[in-house]
Amino acid sequence: MITQGEPMADVRDMYMVHTVFRREFGLIPGLILEVPENDTRRGEIVGYHIDLMCRLLHIHHDGEDVLLWPLLLDRGGEDAQAIVPTMRAQHAAIEDALAIITPLIGPWRGTARRGGPLAAACSSLNAAITDHMALEEERILPLAEKYVTAAEWNRLGAHGQAQFSKKELPLCFGMAMYEADPEVVRGVLAEAPRQVRFLVPRIAPRAFAKHSRRVHGTPTPPRAGSVSF
């Protein structure tokens, strides 16, 4: 039940997360194909990055499945009934794509051999999530702004944070900060403890820069708008 005057969801942080997926999944197929045969050191670096991004995508969608879709179906009337089933079907298809990728990561990561099937599977996943995110931005986010409170929306972020290690959380946030509007970043951190609000904007970009140097060879990889697949 929404109380009159209660703040509603600020969905701009969803665009921030989607930008991460567009950039990183768009770059992954090329990263795989550029790994020299038998270069297991490089394979380990890229393999970890693929695993991290797949986990991030799964956790992100799990939060929507558990927390967002029921709220919209309960409150959004015909508009929600018309689109949420499509969102669920797309999530299921994306999970099927992840189920193909996951068993390929380990063997390739350990041998750096025959990366073509993994690259092709990641390219197919990228096409699926690109279409899904565009539809979600067009149809779901306007409904969330109308029918989901700020407190409920914030639970999506908390759901994801609880499933990453203390080491990976700054990296994931740094990935999002890389192309984010500083105002949106401040909004995401607004309810966090003071120490977190102070430390995260300093630690997270460094964590991403270090990771990006290892993965992409630069602390400033191509931005999402310039990545093609």
C-alpha atoms as a PDB file:
ATOM      1  CA  MET A   1       0.000   0.000   0.000  1.00  0.00           C
ATOM      2  CA  ILE A   2       1.410   3.381  -1.023  1.00  0.00           C
ATOM      3  CA  THR A   3       0.924   6.217   1.445  1.00  0.00           C
ATOM      4  CA  GLN A   4      -0.024   9.597  -0.013  1.00  0.00           C
ATOM      5  CA  GLY A   5       3.050  11.767  -0.396  1.00  0.00           C
ATOM      6  CA  GLU A   6       5.465   8.835  -0.102  1.00  0.00           C
ATOM      7  CA  PRO A   7       8.534   9.250  -2.343  1.00  0.00           C
ATOM      8  CA  MET A   8       8.400   7.129  -5.466  1.00  0.00           C
ATOM      9  CA  ALA A   9      11.189   5.239  -7.193  1.00  0.00           C
ATOM     10  CA  ASP A  10      14.018   7.135  -8.830  1.00  0.00           C
ATOM     11  CA  VAL A  11      14.775   4.694 -11.637  1.00  0.00           C
ATOM     12  CA  ARG A  12      17.848   6.449 -13.005  1.00  0.00           C
ATOM     13  CA  ASP A  13      20.108   3.948 -11.265  1.00  0.00           C
ATOM     14  CA  MET A  14      18.656   1.218 -13.513  1.00  0.00           C
ATOM     15  CA  TYR A  15      20.042   3.038 -16.546  1.00  0.00           C
ATOM     16  CA  MET A  16      23.375   3.105 -14.724  1.00  0.00           C
ATOM     17  CA  VAL A  17      23.332  -0.677 -14.316  1.00  0.00           C
ATOM     18  CA  HIS A  18      22.196  -1.236 -17.893  1.00  0.00           C
ATOM     19  CA  THR A  19      25.114   0.839 -19.129  1.00  0.00           C
ATOM     20  CA  VAL A  20      27.476  -1.569 -17.375  1.00  0.00           C
ATOM     21  CA  PHE A  21      25.868  -4.533 -19.112  1.00  0.00           C
ATOM     22  CA  ARG A  22      25.896  -2.836 -22.527  1.00  0.00           C
ATOM     23  CA  ARG A  23      29.577  -1.940 -22.205  1.00  0.00           C
ATOM     24  CA  GLU A  24      31.012  -5.057 -20.609  1.00  0.00           C
ATOM     25  CA  PHE A  25      28.974  -7.731 -22.408  1.00  0.00           C
ATOM     26  CA  GLY A  26      29.541  -5.890 -25.666  1.00  0.00           C
ATOM     27  CA  LEU A  27      33.305  -6.117 -25.153  1.00  0.00           C
ATOM     28  CA  ILE A  28      33.486  -9.708 -23.873  1.00  0.00           C
ATOM     29  CA  PRO A  29      33.367 -11.626 -27.204  1.00  0.00           C
ATOM     30  CA  GLY A  30      36.324  -9.629 -28.508  1.00  0.00           C
ATOM     31  CA  LEU A  31      38.241 -10.147 -25.281  1.00  0.00           C
ATOM     32  CA  ILE A  32      37.848 -13.921 -25.596  1.00  0.00           C
ATOM     33  CA  LEU A  33      38.950 -14.065 -29.222  1.00  0.00           C
ATOM     34  CA  GLU A  34      41.997 -11.885 -28.518  1.00  0.00           C
ATOM     35  CA  VAL A  35      43.415 -14.279 -25.892  1.00  0.00           C
ATOM     36  CA  PRO A  36      46.423 -16.105 -27.409  1.00  0.00           C
ATOM     37  CA  GLU A  37      46.110 -19.877 -27.593  1.00  0.00           C
ATOM     38  CA  ASN A  38      47.375 -21.518 -24.375  1.00  0.00           C
ATOM     39  CA  ASP A  39      47.856 -18.157 -22.591  1.00  0.00           C
ATOM     40  CA  THR A  40      46.254 -19.402 -19.382  1.00  0.00           C
ATOM     41  CA  ARG A  41      47.303 -16.322 -17.408  1.00  0.00           C
ATOM     42  CA  ARG A  42      45.304 -14.104 -19.747  1.00  0.00           C
ATOM     43  CA  GLY A  43      42.523 -16.684 -19.890  1.00  0.00           C
ATOM     44  CA  GLU A  44      42.222 -16.571 -16.108  1.00  0.00           C
ATOM     45  CA  ILE A  45      41.873 -12.772 -16.112  1.00  0.00           C
ATOM     46  CA  VAL A  46      39.233 -12.674 -18.847  1.00  0.00           C
ATOM     47  CA  GLY A  47      37.502 -15.781 -17.493  1.00  0.00           C
ATOM     48  CA  TYR A  48      37.087 -14.218 -14.067  1.00  0.00           C
ATOM     49  CA  HIS A  49      35.624 -11.105 -15.682  1.00  0.00           C
ATOM     50  CA  ILE A  50      33.090 -13.161 -17.654  1.00  0.00           C
ATOM     51  CA  ASP A  51      32.117 -15.079 -14.528  1.00  0.00           C
ATOM     52  CA  LEU A  52      31.698 -11.851 -12.555  1.00  0.00           C
ATOM     53  CA  MET A  53      29.511 -10.261 -15.223  1.00  0.00           C
ATOM     54  CA  CYS A  54      27.345 -13.375 -15.544  1.00  0.00           C
ATOM     55  CA  ARG A  55      26.831 -13.456 -11.790  1.00  0.00           C
ATOM     56  CA  LEU A  56      26.019  -9.742 -11.758  1.00  0.00           C
ATOM     57  CA  LEU A  57      23.437 -10.211 -14.506  1.00  0.00           C
ATOM     58  CA  HIS A  58      21.830 -13.220 -12.797  1.00  0.00           C
ATOM     59  CA  ILE A  59      21.609 -11.457  -9.431  1.00  0.00           C
ATOM     60  CA  HIS A  60      20.208  -8.314 -11.020  1.00  0.00           C
ATOM     61  CA  HIS A  61      17.452 -10.256 -12.764  1.00  0.00           C
ATOM     62  CA  ASP A  62      16.744 -12.371  -9.687  1.00  0.00           C
ATOM     63  CA  GLY A  63      16.034  -9.171  -7.757  1.00  0.00           C
ATOM     64  CA  GLU A  64      13.530  -8.075 -10.378  1.00  0.00           C
ATOM     65  CA  ASP A  65      11.874 -11.497 -10.430  1.00  0.00           C
ATOM     66  CA  VAL A  66      11.507 -11.620  -6.661  1.00  0.00           C
ATOM     67  CA  LEU A  67      10.832  -7.989  -5.797  1.00  0.00           C
ATOM     68  CA  LEU A  68       9.740  -5.916  -8.796  1.00  0.00           C
ATOM     69  CA  TRP A  69       7.406  -8.002 -10.935  1.00  0.00           C
ATOM     70  CA  PRO A  70       4.999  -8.872  -8.076  1.00  0.00           C
ATOM     71  CA  LEU A  71       4.672  -5.199  -7.131  1.00  0.00           C
ATOM     72  CA  LEU A  72       3.937  -4.130 -10.687  1.00  0.00           C
ATOM     73  CA  LEU A  73       1.428  -6.913 -11.275  1.00  0.00           C
ATOM     74  CA  ASP A  74      -0.337  -6.033  -8.030  1.00  0.00           C
ATOM     75  CA  ARG A  75      -0.542  -2.307  -8.739  1.00  0.00           C
ATOM     76  CA  GLY A  76       0.027  -1.637 -12.423  1.00  0.00           C
ATOM     77  CA  GLY A  77      -3.224  -2.924 -13.865  1.00  0.00           C
ATOM     78  CA  GLU A  78      -3.487  -3.726 -17.572  1.00  0.00           C
ATOM     79  CA  ASP A  79      -0.228  -1.954 -18.405  1.00  0.00           C
ATOM     80  CA  ALA A  80       1.741  -4.266 -16.123  1.00  0.00           C
ATOM     81  CA  GLN A  81      -0.241  -7.347 -17.140  1.00  0.00           C
ATOM     82  CA  ALA A  82       0.664  -6.615 -20.759  1.00  0.00           C
ATOM     83  CA  ILE A  83       4.449  -6.436 -20.269  1.00  0.00           C
ATOM     84  CA  VAL A  84       5.558  -8.301 -17.130  1.00  0.00           C
ATOM     85  CA  PRO A  85       4.970 -11.775 -18.671  1.00  0.00           C
ATOM     86  CA  THR A  86       7.251 -10.742 -21.543  1.00  0.00           C
ATOM     87  CA  MET A  87       9.900  -9.628 -19.056  1.00  0.00           C
ATOM     88  CA  ARG A  88       9.680 -12.961 -17.265  1.00  0.00           C
ATOM     89  CA  ALA A  89       9.978 -14.869 -20.535  1.00  0.00           C
ATOM     90  CA  GLN A  90      13.019 -12.824 -21.527  1.00  0.00           C
ATOM     91  CA  HIS A  91      14.635 -13.464 -18.154  1.00  0.00           C
ATOM     92  CA  ALA A  92      14.072 -17.192 -18.642  1.00  0.00           C
ATOM     93  CA  ALA A  93      15.678 -17.051 -22.090  1.00  0.00           C
ATOM     94  CA  ILE A  94      18.643 -15.123 -20.672  1.00  0.00           C
ATOM     95  CA  GLU A  95      19.026 -17.717 -17.921  1.00  0.00           C
ATOM     96  CA  ASP A  96      19.086 -20.407 -20.615  1.00  0.00           C
ATOM     97  CA  ALA A  97      21.878 -18.485 -22.348  1.00  0.00           C
ATOM     98  CA  LEU A  98      23.787 -18.210 -19.065  1.00  0.00           C
ATOM     99  CA  ALA A  99      23.365 -21.960 -18.593  1.00  0.00           C
ATOM    100  CA  ILE A 100      25.178 -22.479 -21.894  1.00  0.00           C
ATOM    101  CA  ILE A 101      27.979 -20.044 -21.026  1.00  0.00           C
ATOM    102  CA  THR A 102      28.677 -21.108 -17.449  1.00  0.00           C
ATOM    103  CA  PRO A 103      30.044 -24.611 -18.162  1.00  0.00           C
ATOM    104  CA  LEU A 104      32.206 -23.210 -20.972  1.00  0.00           C
ATOM    105  CA  ILE A 105      33.987 -20.640 -18.792  1.00  0.00           C
ATOM    106  CA  GLY A 106      35.950 -23.007 -16.560  1.00  0.00           C
ATOM    107  CA  PRO A 107      37.529 -25.212 -19.258  1.00  0.00           C
ATOM    108  CA  TRP A 108      38.418 -22.219 -21.427  1.00  0.00           C
ATOM    109  CA  ARG A 109      39.672 -20.246 -18.428  1.00  0.00           C
ATOM    110  CA  GLY A 110      42.042 -23.072 -17.520  1.00  0.00           C
ATOM    111  CA  THR A 111      43.366 -23.799 -21.015  1.00  0.00           C
ATOM    112  CA  ALA A 112      42.815 -20.699 -23.180  1.00  0.00           C
ATOM    113  CA  ARG A 113      41.966 -23.027 -26.043  1.00  0.00           C
ATOM    114  CA  ARG A 114      39.053 -23.062 -28.478  1.00  0.00           C
ATOM    115  CA  GLY A 115      37.420 -19.848 -27.335  1.00  0.00           C
ATOM    116  CA  GLY A 116      35.119 -19.626 -30.352  1.00  0.00           C
ATOM    117  CA  PRO A 117      32.091 -21.378 -28.797  1.00  0.00           C
ATOM    118  CA  LEU A 118      32.334 -19.261 -25.640  1.00  0.00           C
ATOM    119  CA  ALA A 119      32.654 -16.051 -27.650  1.00  0.00           C
ATOM    120  CA  ALA A 120      29.665 -17.014 -29.789  1.00  0.00           C
ATOM    121  CA  ALA A 121      27.562 -17.845 -26.721  1.00  0.00           C
ATOM    122  CA  CYS A 122      28.480 -14.513 -25.105  1.00  0.00           C
ATOM    123  CA  SER A 123      27.606 -12.677 -28.311  1.00  0.00           C
ATOM    124  CA  SER A 124      24.177 -14.330 -28.369  1.00  0.00           C
ATOM    125  CA  LEU A 125      23.656 -13.420 -24.716  1.00  0.00           C
ATOM    126  CA  ASN A 126      24.616  -9.827 -25.436  1.00  0.00           C
ATOM    127  CA  ALA A 127      22.034  -9.599 -28.220  1.00  0.00           C
ATOM    128  CA  ALA A 128      19.349 -10.966 -25.887  1.00  0.00           C
ATOM    129  CA  ILE A 129      20.097  -8.625 -23.010  1.00  0.00           C
ATOM    130  CA  THR A 130      20.390  -5.615 -25.327  1.00  0.00           C
ATOM    131  CA  ASP A 131      16.861  -6.192 -26.615  1.00  0.00           C
ATOM    132  CA  HIS A 132      15.598  -6.911 -23.100  1.00  0.00           C
ATOM    133  CA  MET A 133      17.058  -3.760 -21.587  1.00  0.00           C
ATOM    134  CA  ALA A 134      15.658  -1.557 -24.339  1.00  0.00           C
ATOM    135  CA  LEU A 135      12.154  -2.940 -23.760  1.00  0.00           C
ATOM    136  CA  GLU A 136      12.522  -2.670 -20.000  1.00  0.00           C
ATOM    137  CA  GLU A 137      13.538   0.974 -20.263  1.00  0.00           C
ATOM    138  CA  GLU A 138      10.613   1.711 -22.571  1.00  0.00           C
ATOM    139  CA  ARG A 139       7.849  -0.173 -20.767  1.00  0.00           C
ATOM    140  CA  ILE A 140       8.860  -1.128 -17.214  1.00  0.00           C
ATOM    141  CA  LEU A 141      10.673   1.886 -15.827  1.00  0.00           C
ATOM    142  CA  PRO A 142       7.752   4.291 -16.398  1.00  0.00           C
ATOM    143  CA  LEU A 143       5.549   1.853 -14.473  1.00  0.00           C
ATOM    144  CA  ALA A 144       8.080   1.605 -11.654  1.00  0.00           C
ATOM    145  CA  GLU A 145       8.170   5.383 -11.318  1.00  0.00           C
ATOM    146  CA  LYS A 146       4.385   5.356 -10.968  1.00  0.00           C
ATOM    147  CA  TYR A 147       3.737   2.300  -8.814  1.00  0.00           C
ATOM    148  CA  VAL A 148       6.886   1.501  -6.784  1.00  0.00           C
ATOM    149  CA  THR A 149       7.984   3.511  -3.762  1.00  0.00           C
ATOM    150  CA  ALA A 150      11.564   4.680  -3.251  1.00  0.00           C
ATOM    151  CA  ALA A 151      11.941   2.337  -0.275  1.00  0.00           C
ATOM    152  CA  GLU A 152      10.751  -0.641  -2.312  1.00  0.00           C
ATOM    153  CA  TRP A 153      13.012   0.277  -5.212  1.00  0.00           C
ATOM    154  CA  ASN A 154      16.009   0.530  -2.913  1.00  0.00           C
ATOM    155  CA  ARG A 155      15.479  -3.081  -1.869  1.00  0.00           C
ATOM    156  CA  LEU A 156      16.530  -4.119  -5.357  1.00  0.00           C
ATOM    157  CA  GLY A 157      19.992  -2.698  -4.738  1.00  0.00           C
ATOM    158  CA  ALA A 158      20.188  -4.206  -1.270  1.00  0.00           C
ATOM    159  CA  HIS A 159      19.231  -7.609  -2.696  1.00  0.00           C
ATOM    160  CA  GLY A 160      22.194  -7.522  -5.060  1.00  0.00           C
ATOM    161  CA  GLN A 161      24.708  -6.134  -2.590  1.00  0.00           C
ATOM    162  CA  ALA A 162      24.034  -8.959  -0.159  1.00  0.00           C
ATOM    163  CA  GLN A 163      25.254 -11.521  -2.697  1.00  0.00           C
ATOM    164  CA  PHE A 164      28.724 -10.163  -3.418  1.00  0.00           C
ATOM    165  CA  SER A 165      31.883 -10.312  -1.347  1.00  0.00           C
ATOM    166  CA  LYS A 166      33.302  -7.204   0.314  1.00  0.00           C
ATOM    167  CA  LYS A 167      36.091  -7.301  -2.270  1.00  0.00           C
ATOM    168  CA  GLU A 168      33.750  -7.431  -5.272  1.00  0.00           C
ATOM    169  CA  LEU A 169      31.235  -4.819  -4.119  1.00  0.00           C
ATOM    170  CA  PRO A 170      33.533  -1.798  -4.693  1.00  0.00           C
ATOM    171  CA  LEU A 171      34.478  -3.199  -8.105  1.00  0.00           C
ATOM    172  CA  CYS A 172      30.842  -3.618  -9.144  1.00  0.00           C
ATOM    173  CA  PHE A 173      29.972  -0.127  -7.946  1.00  0.00           C
ATOM    174  CA  GLY A 174      33.032   1.269  -9.711  1.00  0.00           C
ATOM    175  CA  MET A 175      31.868  -0.342 -12.953  1.00  0.00           C
ATOM    176  CA  ALA A 176      28.600   1.549 -12.598  1.00  0.00           C
ATOM    177  CA  MET A 177      30.240   4.826 -11.595  1.00  0.00           C
ATOM    178  CA  TYR A 178      32.497   4.846 -14.654  1.00  0.00           C
ATOM    179  CA  GLU A 179      29.805   6.290 -16.934  1.00  0.00           C
ATOM    180  CA  ALA A 180      27.253   7.407 -14.353  1.00  0.00           C
ATOM    181  CA  ASP A 181      25.855  10.840 -13.640  1.00  0.00           C
ATOM    182  CA  PRO A 182      27.413  11.932 -10.300  1.00  0.00           C
ATOM    183  CA  GLU A 183      23.989  13.073  -9.132  1.00  0.00           C
ATOM    184  CA  VAL A 184      22.617   9.558  -9.627  1.00  0.00           C
ATOM    185  CA  VAL A 185      25.581   8.084  -7.747  1.00  0.00           C
ATOM    186  CA  ARG A 186      24.903  10.438  -4.833  1.00  0.00           C
ATOM    187  CA  GLY A 187      21.265   9.381  -4.853  1.00  0.00           C
ATOM    188  CA  VAL A 188      22.177   5.697  -4.709  1.00  0.00           C
ATOM    189  CA  LEU A 189      24.432   6.355  -1.707  1.00  0.00           C
ATOM    190  CA  ALA A 190      22.098   8.795   0.023  1.00  0.00           C
ATOM    191  CA  GLU A 191      20.715   6.264   2.511  1.00  0.00           C
ATOM    192  CA  ALA A 192      24.053   4.549   3.161  1.00  0.00           C
ATOM    193  CA  PRO A 193      25.996   5.103   6.405  1.00  0.00           C
ATOM    194  CA  ARG A 194      28.187   8.188   6.417  1.00  0.00           C
ATOM    195  CA  GLN A 195      31.403   6.179   6.200  1.00  0.00           C
ATOM    196  CA  VAL A 196      30.124   4.350   3.116  1.00  0.00           C
ATOM    197  CA  ARG A 197      29.087   7.626   1.474  1.00  0.00           C
ATOM    198  CA  PHE A 198      32.603   8.944   2.076  1.00  0.00           C
ATOM    199  CA  LEU A 199      34.633   5.874   1.126  1.00  0.00           C
ATOM    200  CA  VAL A 200      32.790   4.317  -1.808  1.00  0.00           C
ATOM    201  CA  PRO A 201      33.210   7.243  -4.257  1.00  0.00           C
ATOM    202  CA  ARG A 202      36.948   7.061  -3.571  1.00  0.00           C
ATOM    203  CA  ILE A 203      37.493   3.298  -3.425  1.00  0.00           C
ATOM    204  CA  ALA A 204      35.120   2.098  -6.144  1.00  0.00           C
ATOM    205  CA  PRO A 205      36.634   3.986  -9.122  1.00  0.00           C
ATOM    206  CA  ARG A 206      40.098   2.777  -8.130  1.00  0.00           C
ATOM    207  CA  ALA A 207      38.871  -0.812  -7.913  1.00  0.00           C
ATOM    208  CA  PHE A 208      37.353  -0.581 -11.373  1.00  0.00           C
ATOM    209  CA  ALA A 209      40.403   1.134 -12.858  1.00  0.00           C
ATOM    210  CA  LYS A 210      42.675  -1.622 -11.537  1.00  0.00           C
ATOM    211  CA  HIS A 211      40.349  -4.341 -12.814  1.00  0.00           C
ATOM    212  CA  SER A 212      39.913  -2.625 -16.175  1.00  0.00           C
ATOM    213  CA  ARG A 213      43.669  -2.355 -16.692  1.00  0.00           C
ATOM    214  CA  ARG A 214      43.927  -6.112 -16.241  1.00  0.00           C
ATOM    215  CA  VAL A 215      40.912  -6.957 -18.384  1.00  0.00           C
ATOM    216  CA  HIS A 216      40.813  -4.228 -21.041  1.00  0.00           C
ATOM    217  CA  GLY A 217      44.389  -2.991 -20.928  1.00  0.00           C
ATOM    218  CA  THR A 218      43.269   0.497 -19.915  1.00  0.00           C
ATOM    219  CA  PRO A 219      41.499   2.123 -16.949  1.00  0.00           C
ATOM    220  CA  THR A 220      39.202   3.851 -19.453  1.00  0.00           C
ATOM    221  CA  PRO A 221      37.618   1.185 -21.680  1.00  0.00           C
ATOM    222  CA  PRO A 222      35.292   2.149 -24.548  1.00  0.00           C
ATOM    223  CA  ARG A 223      32.028   3.590 -23.341  1.00  0.00           C
ATOM    224  CA  ALA A 224      28.770   1.756 -23.837  1.00  0.00           C
ATOM    225  CA  GLY A 225      27.603   3.985 -26.691  1.00  0.00           C
ATOM    226  CA  SER A 226      30.670   3.143 -28.777  1.00  0.00           C
ATOM    227  CA  VAL A 227      30.557  -0.633 -28.233  1.00  0.00           C
ATOM    228  CA  SER A 228      29.098  -2.735 -31.037  1.00  0.00           C
ATOM    229  CA  PHE A 229      28.584  -6.486 -31.288  1.00  0.00           C
END
